[in-house]
Amino acid sequence: MNVTLNPQLTRAKIVEINDTAVKVSIQGRLGVITVPLRWIFTDKTLEIGQDVEFYFSYMNVI
């Protein structure tokens, strides 16, 4: 299947922070995603309730 993937800028809110990861709730009731801290690029101190943005796309099985 040949599909063009177009990443979309998506907003979320931090709901949990631990020693290794950050859990965010995606706006629009699209769910929750947990990412490693090494994926977070910021000079700010992370706090619960902060808004974040990231690019989101469908997954393509290869």
C-alpha atoms as a PDB file:
ATOM      1  CA  MET A   1       0.000   0.000   0.000  1.00  0.00           C
ATOM      2  CA  ASN A   2       1.503   3.334  -1.061  1.00  0.00           C
ATOM      3  CA  VAL A   3       0.237   6.111   1.218  1.00  0.00           C
ATOM      4  CA  THR A   4       1.650   9.600   1.651  1.00  0.00           C
ATOM      5  CA  LEU A   5       2.160  10.383   5.334  1.00  0.00           C
ATOM      6  CA  ASN A   6       1.609  14.018   6.349  1.00  0.00           C
ATOM      7  CA  PRO A   7       2.602  14.712   9.962  1.00  0.00           C
ATOM      8  CA  GLN A   8       0.240  17.141  11.734  1.00  0.00           C
ATOM      9  CA  LEU A   9       1.192  19.551  14.508  1.00  0.00           C
ATOM     10  CA  THR A  10      -0.690  18.267  17.565  1.00  0.00           C
ATOM     11  CA  ARG A  11      -1.228  19.827  20.998  1.00  0.00           C
ATOM     12  CA  ALA A  12      -1.224  17.972  24.290  1.00  0.00           C
ATOM     13  CA  LYS A  13      -1.017  18.603  28.038  1.00  0.00           C
ATOM     14  CA  ILE A  14       1.485  17.004  30.435  1.00  0.00           C
ATOM     15  CA  VAL A  15      -0.372  14.756  32.901  1.00  0.00           C
ATOM     16  CA  GLU A  16       2.503  12.827  34.513  1.00  0.00           C
ATOM     17  CA  ILE A  17       6.281  13.134  34.857  1.00  0.00           C
ATOM     18  CA  ASN A  18       8.644  10.519  36.272  1.00  0.00           C
ATOM     19  CA  ASP A  19      12.398   9.823  36.205  1.00  0.00           C
ATOM     20  CA  THR A  20      12.379   8.416  32.677  1.00  0.00           C
ATOM     21  CA  ALA A  21       9.261   9.584  30.819  1.00  0.00           C
ATOM     22  CA  VAL A  22       6.529  12.159  30.314  1.00  0.00           C
ATOM     23  CA  LYS A  23       2.869  11.209  29.793  1.00  0.00           C
ATOM     24  CA  VAL A  24       0.729  13.619  27.777  1.00  0.00           C
ATOM     25  CA  SER A  25      -2.996  13.736  27.062  1.00  0.00           C
ATOM     26  CA  ILE A  26      -3.632  14.608  23.418  1.00  0.00           C
ATOM     27  CA  GLN A  27      -6.249  17.315  22.870  1.00  0.00           C
ATOM     28  CA  GLY A  28      -9.479  16.301  21.211  1.00  0.00           C
ATOM     29  CA  ARG A  29      -9.776  13.130  23.298  1.00  0.00           C
ATOM     30  CA  LEU A  30      -7.353  11.317  21.000  1.00  0.00           C
ATOM     31  CA  GLY A  31      -5.718   9.459  23.878  1.00  0.00           C
ATOM     32  CA  VAL A  32      -2.604   9.441  25.990  1.00  0.00           C
ATOM     33  CA  ILE A  33       0.988   8.895  24.903  1.00  0.00           C
ATOM     34  CA  THR A  34       4.119   8.352  27.003  1.00  0.00           C
ATOM     35  CA  VAL A  35       7.495   9.392  25.623  1.00  0.00           C
ATOM     36  CA  PRO A  36      11.022   9.137  27.046  1.00  0.00           C
ATOM     37  CA  LEU A  37      12.491  12.296  28.567  1.00  0.00           C
ATOM     38  CA  ARG A  38      15.250  12.235  25.928  1.00  0.00           C
ATOM     39  CA  TRP A  39      12.561  13.076  23.319  1.00  0.00           C
ATOM     40  CA  ILE A  40      11.679  16.341  25.104  1.00  0.00           C
ATOM     41  CA  PHE A  41      13.610  19.384  23.868  1.00  0.00           C
ATOM     42  CA  THR A  42      13.251  22.394  26.173  1.00  0.00           C
ATOM     43  CA  ASP A  43      15.143  24.683  28.524  1.00  0.00           C
ATOM     44  CA  LYS A  44      12.061  24.957  30.766  1.00  0.00           C
ATOM     45  CA  THR A  45      11.443  22.860  33.864  1.00  0.00           C
ATOM     46  CA  LEU A  46       8.717  20.335  33.093  1.00  0.00           C
ATOM     47  CA  GLU A  47       5.522  20.672  35.127  1.00  0.00           C
ATOM     48  CA  ILE A  48       2.180  18.889  35.127  1.00  0.00           C
ATOM     49  CA  GLY A  49      -0.390  20.942  33.208  1.00  0.00           C
ATOM     50  CA  GLN A  50       2.058  22.469  30.710  1.00  0.00           C
ATOM     51  CA  ASP A  51       0.968  22.522  27.065  1.00  0.00           C
ATOM     52  CA  VAL A  52       3.232  20.837  24.521  1.00  0.00           C
ATOM     53  CA  GLU A  53       3.237  20.478  20.732  1.00  0.00           C
ATOM     54  CA  PHE A  54       4.549  17.637  18.606  1.00  0.00           C
ATOM     55  CA  TYR A  55       4.186  16.261  15.093  1.00  0.00           C
ATOM     56  CA  PHE A  56       1.946  13.204  14.827  1.00  0.00           C
ATOM     57  CA  SER A  57       1.378  10.880  11.883  1.00  0.00           C
ATOM     58  CA  TYR A  58      -0.120   7.510  11.081  1.00  0.00           C
ATOM     59  CA  MET A  59       2.189   4.524  11.412  1.00  0.00           C
ATOM     60  CA  ASN A  60       3.294   2.766   8.263  1.00  0.00           C
ATOM     61  CA  VAL A  61       3.959  -0.970   8.644  1.00  0.00           C
ATOM     62  CA  ILE A  62       6.987  -2.003   6.591  1.00  0.00           C
END
